N, C-alpha and C. Protein backbone atom coordinates (compact mmCIF):
# COMPACT_ATOMS: atom_id res chain seq x y z
N MET A 1 -2.20 -19.81 -0.31
CA MET A 1 -1.81 -18.58 -0.31
C MET A 1 -0.32 -18.36 0.35
N SER A 2 -0.64 -17.99 1.50
CA SER A 2 0.66 -17.75 2.45
C SER A 2 1.97 -17.55 1.67
N LYS A 3 2.07 -16.51 1.06
CA LYS A 3 3.41 -16.05 0.43
C LYS A 3 4.27 -15.62 1.74
N ASN A 4 3.80 -14.55 2.02
CA ASN A 4 4.49 -13.96 3.54
C ASN A 4 5.97 -13.85 3.32
N ARG A 5 6.22 -13.28 2.10
CA ARG A 5 7.81 -13.25 1.66
C ARG A 5 8.09 -11.70 2.32
N ILE A 6 9.20 -11.70 3.04
CA ILE A 6 9.82 -10.29 3.32
C ILE A 6 10.80 -9.72 2.50
N HIS A 7 10.50 -8.86 1.85
CA HIS A 7 11.53 -8.17 1.01
C HIS A 7 12.83 -7.26 1.58
N LYS A 8 13.71 -7.33 0.91
CA LYS A 8 14.95 -6.62 1.60
C LYS A 8 14.82 -4.96 1.43
N TYR A 9 15.30 -4.35 2.17
CA TYR A 9 15.02 -3.09 2.20
C TYR A 9 16.39 -2.33 2.68
N ASN A 10 16.55 -1.03 2.26
CA ASN A 10 17.65 -0.22 2.68
C ASN A 10 17.45 0.19 4.10
N PRO A 11 18.34 -0.15 5.01
CA PRO A 11 18.18 -0.04 6.53
C PRO A 11 17.90 1.52 6.81
N ARG A 12 18.57 2.46 6.05
CA ARG A 12 18.34 3.75 6.52
C ARG A 12 16.85 4.25 6.28
N LEU A 13 16.23 3.49 5.57
CA LEU A 13 14.67 3.94 5.42
C LEU A 13 13.78 3.64 6.64
N LYS A 14 14.33 2.74 7.52
CA LYS A 14 13.65 2.37 8.78
C LYS A 14 13.33 3.80 9.46
N VAL A 15 14.21 4.48 9.95
CA VAL A 15 13.83 5.65 10.58
C VAL A 15 12.95 6.47 9.90
N LEU A 16 13.03 6.79 8.47
CA LEU A 16 12.20 7.38 7.83
C LEU A 16 10.72 7.04 7.80
N ALA A 17 10.54 5.61 7.86
CA ALA A 17 9.17 5.03 7.90
C ALA A 17 8.77 5.38 9.26
N ARG A 18 9.45 5.38 10.21
CA ARG A 18 9.03 5.43 11.49
C ARG A 18 8.25 7.11 11.65
N GLN A 19 9.05 7.97 10.96
CA GLN A 19 8.45 9.19 11.05
C GLN A 19 7.30 9.60 10.24
N LEU A 20 7.30 8.83 9.21
CA LEU A 20 5.99 8.87 8.45
C LEU A 20 4.92 8.20 8.96
N ARG A 21 4.92 7.26 9.93
CA ARG A 21 3.92 6.61 10.66
C ARG A 21 3.54 7.64 11.89
N GLN A 22 4.39 8.39 12.02
CA GLN A 22 4.02 9.45 13.24
C GLN A 22 3.57 10.62 12.68
N ASN A 23 3.55 10.77 11.45
CA ASN A 23 3.20 12.17 10.64
C ASN A 23 2.16 11.81 9.62
N SER A 24 1.25 10.92 9.62
CA SER A 24 0.47 10.42 8.68
C SER A 24 -0.59 11.41 8.12
N THR A 25 -0.71 11.34 6.86
CA THR A 25 -1.72 12.56 6.12
C THR A 25 -3.01 12.10 6.84
N LEU A 26 -4.12 13.00 6.64
CA LEU A 26 -5.47 12.78 7.03
C LEU A 26 -5.96 11.33 6.13
N ALA A 27 -5.71 11.31 4.91
CA ALA A 27 -6.22 10.15 4.05
C ALA A 27 -5.40 8.98 4.59
N GLU A 28 -4.30 8.92 4.88
CA GLU A 28 -3.88 7.82 5.55
C GLU A 28 -4.37 7.18 6.88
N VAL A 29 -4.81 8.32 7.71
CA VAL A 29 -5.12 7.79 8.92
C VAL A 29 -6.68 7.25 8.68
N ILE A 30 -7.56 8.00 7.75
CA ILE A 30 -8.78 7.65 7.55
C ILE A 30 -8.80 6.08 6.75
N LEU A 31 -7.91 5.75 5.84
CA LEU A 31 -7.77 4.48 5.27
C LEU A 31 -7.14 3.50 6.40
N TRP A 32 -6.19 3.81 7.09
CA TRP A 32 -5.83 2.88 8.29
C TRP A 32 -6.76 2.53 9.18
N LEU A 33 -7.70 3.50 9.79
CA LEU A 33 -8.59 3.17 10.60
C LEU A 33 -9.73 2.29 9.97
N ASN A 34 -10.06 2.37 8.64
CA ASN A 34 -10.95 1.64 8.06
C ASN A 34 -10.58 0.30 7.58
N ILE A 35 -9.33 0.24 7.12
CA ILE A 35 -8.70 -1.08 6.89
C ILE A 35 -8.81 -2.06 8.25
N LYS A 36 -8.38 -1.46 9.37
CA LYS A 36 -8.61 -2.24 10.62
C LYS A 36 -10.06 -2.48 10.96
N LYS A 37 -10.88 -1.48 10.84
CA LYS A 37 -12.45 -1.69 10.97
C LYS A 37 -13.07 -2.83 10.21
N GLU A 38 -12.71 -2.69 8.93
CA GLU A 38 -13.09 -3.79 7.90
C GLU A 38 -12.60 -5.13 8.25
N ALA A 39 -11.35 -5.13 9.10
CA ALA A 39 -10.83 -6.44 9.30
C ALA A 39 -10.85 -7.31 7.90
N LEU A 40 -9.92 -6.81 6.96
CA LEU A 40 -9.75 -7.41 5.83
C LEU A 40 -9.26 -8.79 5.69
N SER A 41 -9.13 -9.34 6.83
CA SER A 41 -8.76 -10.74 7.04
C SER A 41 -7.08 -10.94 6.82
N TYR A 42 -6.54 -9.81 6.73
CA TYR A 42 -5.17 -9.84 6.57
C TYR A 42 -4.52 -8.87 7.54
N GLU A 43 -3.41 -8.95 7.83
CA GLU A 43 -2.66 -7.85 8.54
C GLU A 43 -1.97 -7.09 7.61
N PHE A 44 -2.33 -5.86 7.70
CA PHE A 44 -1.58 -4.62 6.94
C PHE A 44 -0.52 -3.92 7.78
N HIS A 45 0.47 -3.34 7.19
CA HIS A 45 1.30 -2.42 8.11
C HIS A 45 1.50 -1.25 7.47
N ARG A 46 1.83 0.02 8.12
CA ARG A 46 1.99 1.33 7.71
C ARG A 46 3.42 1.55 7.31
N GLN A 47 3.62 2.40 6.33
CA GLN A 47 4.96 3.07 5.84
C GLN A 47 5.95 1.70 6.03
N VAL A 48 5.99 0.89 5.07
CA VAL A 48 6.90 -0.32 5.19
C VAL A 48 8.06 0.04 4.13
N PRO A 49 9.20 -0.27 4.47
CA PRO A 49 10.25 -0.03 3.44
C PRO A 49 10.42 -1.37 2.67
N ILE A 50 10.56 -1.08 1.57
CA ILE A 50 10.91 -2.29 0.60
C ILE A 50 11.75 -1.82 -0.53
N ASN A 51 12.79 -2.63 -0.54
CA ASN A 51 13.80 -2.21 -1.60
C ASN A 51 14.41 -0.80 -1.31
N GLU A 52 14.22 0.20 -2.17
CA GLU A 52 14.68 1.32 -1.84
C GLU A 52 13.57 2.68 -1.60
N TYR A 53 12.51 2.14 -1.40
CA TYR A 53 11.03 2.75 -1.17
C TYR A 53 10.26 2.41 0.10
N ILE A 54 9.46 3.37 0.27
CA ILE A 54 8.60 3.12 1.44
C ILE A 54 7.15 3.05 0.82
N VAL A 55 6.30 2.11 1.29
CA VAL A 55 4.96 1.94 0.69
C VAL A 55 4.17 2.31 1.91
N ASP A 56 2.92 2.90 1.34
CA ASP A 56 2.04 3.49 2.52
C ASP A 56 1.46 2.40 3.48
N PHE A 57 0.93 1.40 2.76
CA PHE A 57 0.47 0.09 3.39
C PHE A 57 0.64 -1.06 2.76
N TYR A 58 1.07 -2.15 3.34
CA TYR A 58 1.59 -3.37 2.80
C TYR A 58 1.18 -4.57 3.56
N CYS A 59 0.65 -5.52 2.89
CA CYS A 59 0.24 -6.82 3.45
C CYS A 59 1.30 -7.89 2.97
N HIS A 60 2.26 -8.50 3.90
CA HIS A 60 3.08 -9.38 3.50
C HIS A 60 2.60 -10.62 2.95
N GLU A 61 1.38 -11.26 3.33
CA GLU A 61 0.91 -12.57 3.01
C GLU A 61 0.22 -12.44 1.65
N LEU A 62 -0.24 -11.20 1.22
CA LEU A 62 -0.91 -10.84 0.05
C LEU A 62 0.29 -10.43 -1.16
N GLU A 63 1.20 -9.95 -0.54
CA GLU A 63 2.24 -9.18 -1.16
C GLU A 63 1.43 -8.03 -2.00
N LEU A 64 0.67 -7.32 -0.97
CA LEU A 64 -0.23 -6.16 -1.73
C LEU A 64 0.33 -4.76 -1.12
N ALA A 65 0.51 -3.98 -1.96
CA ALA A 65 0.73 -2.61 -1.36
C ALA A 65 -0.20 -1.52 -1.89
N ILE A 66 -0.54 -0.64 -0.88
CA ILE A 66 -1.65 0.29 -1.24
C ILE A 66 -0.89 1.82 -1.14
N GLU A 67 -1.06 2.49 -2.10
CA GLU A 67 -0.39 3.95 -2.21
C GLU A 67 -1.53 4.69 -2.26
N ILE A 68 -1.33 5.88 -1.41
CA ILE A 68 -2.19 7.08 -1.50
C ILE A 68 -1.27 8.18 -2.17
N ASP A 69 -1.82 8.58 -3.29
CA ASP A 69 -1.16 9.73 -3.99
C ASP A 69 -1.66 10.92 -3.71
N GLY A 70 -0.85 11.91 -3.59
CA GLY A 70 -1.38 13.09 -3.05
C GLY A 70 -0.07 14.23 -3.02
N TYR A 71 -0.49 15.31 -2.78
CA TYR A 71 0.42 16.45 -2.74
C TYR A 71 1.38 16.54 -1.73
N THR A 72 1.00 15.86 -0.44
CA THR A 72 1.72 16.20 0.83
C THR A 72 2.98 15.11 0.89
N HIS A 73 3.28 14.17 -0.06
CA HIS A 73 4.38 13.54 0.12
C HIS A 73 5.34 13.79 -1.05
N ASP A 74 5.36 14.95 -1.50
CA ASP A 74 6.21 15.48 -2.61
C ASP A 74 5.58 14.58 -3.76
N TYR A 75 4.32 14.75 -4.16
CA TYR A 75 3.94 14.06 -5.09
C TYR A 75 4.62 14.07 -6.51
N ASN A 76 5.13 13.06 -7.22
CA ASN A 76 5.67 13.09 -8.46
C ASN A 76 5.37 11.64 -9.13
N TYR A 77 4.23 12.04 -10.29
CA TYR A 77 3.80 10.82 -11.08
C TYR A 77 4.77 9.95 -11.67
N GLU A 78 5.76 10.60 -12.20
CA GLU A 78 6.80 9.51 -12.83
C GLU A 78 7.49 8.68 -12.00
N LYS A 79 7.82 9.39 -10.61
CA LYS A 79 8.66 8.75 -9.72
C LYS A 79 7.67 7.43 -9.17
N ASP A 80 6.40 7.75 -8.96
CA ASP A 80 5.49 6.91 -8.42
C ASP A 80 5.41 5.66 -9.44
N ILE A 81 5.38 6.00 -10.78
CA ILE A 81 5.27 4.90 -11.71
C ILE A 81 6.58 4.07 -11.70
N LYS A 82 7.64 4.72 -11.78
CA LYS A 82 8.85 3.99 -11.73
C LYS A 82 8.97 2.97 -10.25
N ARG A 83 8.46 3.68 -9.17
CA ARG A 83 8.65 2.86 -7.78
C ARG A 83 7.66 1.56 -8.27
N GLN A 84 6.39 1.93 -8.64
CA GLN A 84 5.37 0.89 -8.89
C GLN A 84 5.95 -0.34 -9.89
N LYS A 85 6.84 0.12 -10.81
CA LYS A 85 7.33 -1.01 -11.63
C LYS A 85 8.41 -1.74 -10.98
N VAL A 86 9.24 -1.31 -10.25
CA VAL A 86 10.24 -1.92 -9.31
C VAL A 86 9.41 -2.73 -8.44
N LEU A 87 8.41 -2.18 -7.70
CA LEU A 87 7.61 -3.24 -6.59
C LEU A 87 7.00 -4.58 -7.49
N GLU A 88 6.51 -4.08 -8.54
CA GLU A 88 5.88 -5.23 -9.35
C GLU A 88 6.92 -6.34 -9.77
N ALA A 89 8.19 -5.76 -10.31
CA ALA A 89 9.08 -6.75 -10.47
C ALA A 89 9.57 -7.69 -9.51
N LEU A 90 9.32 -7.35 -8.19
CA LEU A 90 9.41 -8.21 -6.85
C LEU A 90 8.28 -8.98 -6.67
N GLY A 91 7.27 -8.90 -7.57
CA GLY A 91 6.05 -9.68 -7.30
C GLY A 91 5.00 -9.04 -6.45
N ILE A 92 4.91 -7.71 -6.18
CA ILE A 92 4.15 -6.99 -5.13
C ILE A 92 3.11 -6.46 -6.22
N ARG A 93 1.87 -6.64 -5.98
CA ARG A 93 0.77 -5.95 -6.47
C ARG A 93 0.49 -4.54 -5.65
N VAL A 94 0.45 -3.62 -6.61
CA VAL A 94 0.17 -2.19 -6.18
C VAL A 94 -1.16 -1.72 -6.54
N VAL A 95 -1.85 -1.12 -5.71
CA VAL A 95 -3.03 -0.46 -5.72
C VAL A 95 -2.91 0.97 -5.37
N ARG A 96 -3.41 1.82 -6.34
CA ARG A 96 -3.26 3.36 -6.04
C ARG A 96 -4.42 4.13 -5.84
N PHE A 97 -4.61 4.96 -4.87
CA PHE A 97 -5.70 5.73 -4.67
C PHE A 97 -5.31 7.17 -4.46
N THR A 98 -6.02 8.15 -4.85
CA THR A 98 -5.63 9.59 -4.44
C THR A 98 -6.28 10.12 -3.13
N GLU A 99 -5.80 10.95 -2.56
CA GLU A 99 -6.09 11.38 -1.25
C GLU A 99 -7.72 11.73 -1.35
N GLU A 100 -8.16 12.23 -2.57
CA GLU A 100 -9.57 12.67 -2.71
C GLU A 100 -10.33 11.50 -2.71
N ASP A 101 -9.89 10.28 -3.52
CA ASP A 101 -10.54 9.25 -3.27
C ASP A 101 -10.96 8.48 -2.03
N VAL A 102 -9.81 8.60 -1.08
CA VAL A 102 -10.04 7.96 0.23
C VAL A 102 -10.79 8.95 1.02
N LYS A 103 -10.80 10.34 0.89
CA LYS A 103 -11.59 11.17 1.72
C LYS A 103 -13.11 11.29 1.31
N LYS A 104 -13.43 11.24 -0.06
CA LYS A 104 -14.66 11.41 -0.49
C LYS A 104 -15.34 10.28 -0.96
N HIS A 105 -14.48 9.27 -1.40
CA HIS A 105 -15.07 7.98 -1.76
C HIS A 105 -14.68 6.62 -1.15
N LEU A 106 -14.74 6.88 0.13
CA LEU A 106 -14.00 5.74 0.97
C LEU A 106 -14.74 4.25 0.81
N ASN A 107 -16.05 4.39 0.68
CA ASN A 107 -16.79 3.03 0.36
C ASN A 107 -16.29 2.45 -1.06
N ASP A 108 -15.96 3.16 -1.97
CA ASP A 108 -15.49 2.70 -3.34
C ASP A 108 -14.04 2.05 -3.11
N VAL A 109 -13.21 2.71 -2.46
CA VAL A 109 -11.66 2.35 -2.15
C VAL A 109 -11.78 1.15 -1.38
N ILE A 110 -12.69 0.90 -0.33
CA ILE A 110 -12.70 -0.43 0.43
C ILE A 110 -13.14 -1.27 -0.58
N ARG A 111 -14.32 -1.16 -1.47
CA ARG A 111 -14.73 -2.14 -2.30
C ARG A 111 -13.75 -2.68 -3.37
N VAL A 112 -12.91 -1.69 -3.67
CA VAL A 112 -11.64 -1.94 -4.82
C VAL A 112 -10.69 -3.05 -3.99
N LEU A 113 -10.43 -2.53 -2.71
CA LEU A 113 -9.54 -3.34 -2.03
C LEU A 113 -9.89 -4.67 -1.90
N LEU A 114 -11.19 -4.85 -1.36
CA LEU A 114 -11.85 -6.23 -1.26
C LEU A 114 -11.74 -7.10 -2.46
N ALA A 115 -12.13 -6.25 -3.68
CA ALA A 115 -12.05 -7.07 -4.85
C ALA A 115 -10.77 -7.55 -5.11
N THR A 116 -9.71 -6.49 -5.03
CA THR A 116 -8.34 -7.01 -5.27
C THR A 116 -7.84 -8.13 -4.44
N ILE A 117 -8.30 -8.04 -3.07
CA ILE A 117 -7.92 -9.22 -2.30
C ILE A 117 -8.59 -10.56 -2.77
N GLU A 118 -9.73 -10.39 -3.10
CA GLU A 118 -10.36 -11.66 -3.82
C GLU A 118 -9.74 -12.32 -4.92
N GLU A 119 -9.43 -11.20 -5.83
CA GLU A 119 -8.60 -11.77 -7.08
C GLU A 119 -7.23 -12.48 -6.82
N ILE A 120 -6.40 -11.82 -5.78
CA ILE A 120 -5.17 -12.40 -5.22
C ILE A 120 -5.59 -13.90 -4.79
N GLU A 121 -6.58 -13.81 -3.88
CA GLU A 121 -6.87 -15.09 -3.29
C GLU A 121 -7.08 -16.21 -4.26
N ASN A 122 -7.91 -15.87 -5.34
CA ASN A 122 -8.20 -16.80 -6.24
C ASN A 122 -7.38 -17.08 -7.51
N GLY A 123 -6.12 -16.39 -7.24
CA GLY A 123 -5.04 -16.64 -8.07
C GLY A 123 -5.31 -15.84 -9.58
N HIS A 124 -6.20 -14.91 -9.55
CA HIS A 124 -6.42 -14.07 -10.81
C HIS A 124 -5.73 -12.71 -10.62
N ASP A 125 -4.64 -12.59 -10.14
CA ASP A 125 -3.95 -11.33 -10.23
C ASP A 125 -3.64 -10.70 -11.28
N THR A 126 -4.36 -9.55 -12.15
CA THR A 126 -4.23 -9.25 -13.40
C THR A 126 -3.55 -7.92 -13.29
N SER A 127 -2.39 -7.63 -12.37
CA SER A 127 -1.77 -6.57 -12.33
C SER A 127 -0.69 -6.46 -13.27
N PHE A 128 -0.15 -7.36 -13.68
CA PHE A 128 1.07 -7.70 -14.39
C PHE A 128 0.83 -7.75 -15.86
């Protein structure tokens, strides 16, 4: 496995990423605490700049981004799809959840993440 590729990013996004980490949504906090609690065997980071975007959670080793869609980050479906295509072109797998999924169906979210990690580990990445 051990991809651990660092992707280039716009340096101006570093300050914004720091601000986003300091002002997380409730869904981001819930997922972050559970990612750490579940000890998904990989290190995830919050609000990571990649290219011209900031992803909610990212694992360098898996090249896996987790995005939480919702109304609090100026939610725009078309922009999210465009961003996802750019990230996928960089070889990054993107998994999306809604804020409601995280708040009301957390066990299902964790199951999806574990299954996605297993797919990547086994070389069965079906996201592309």
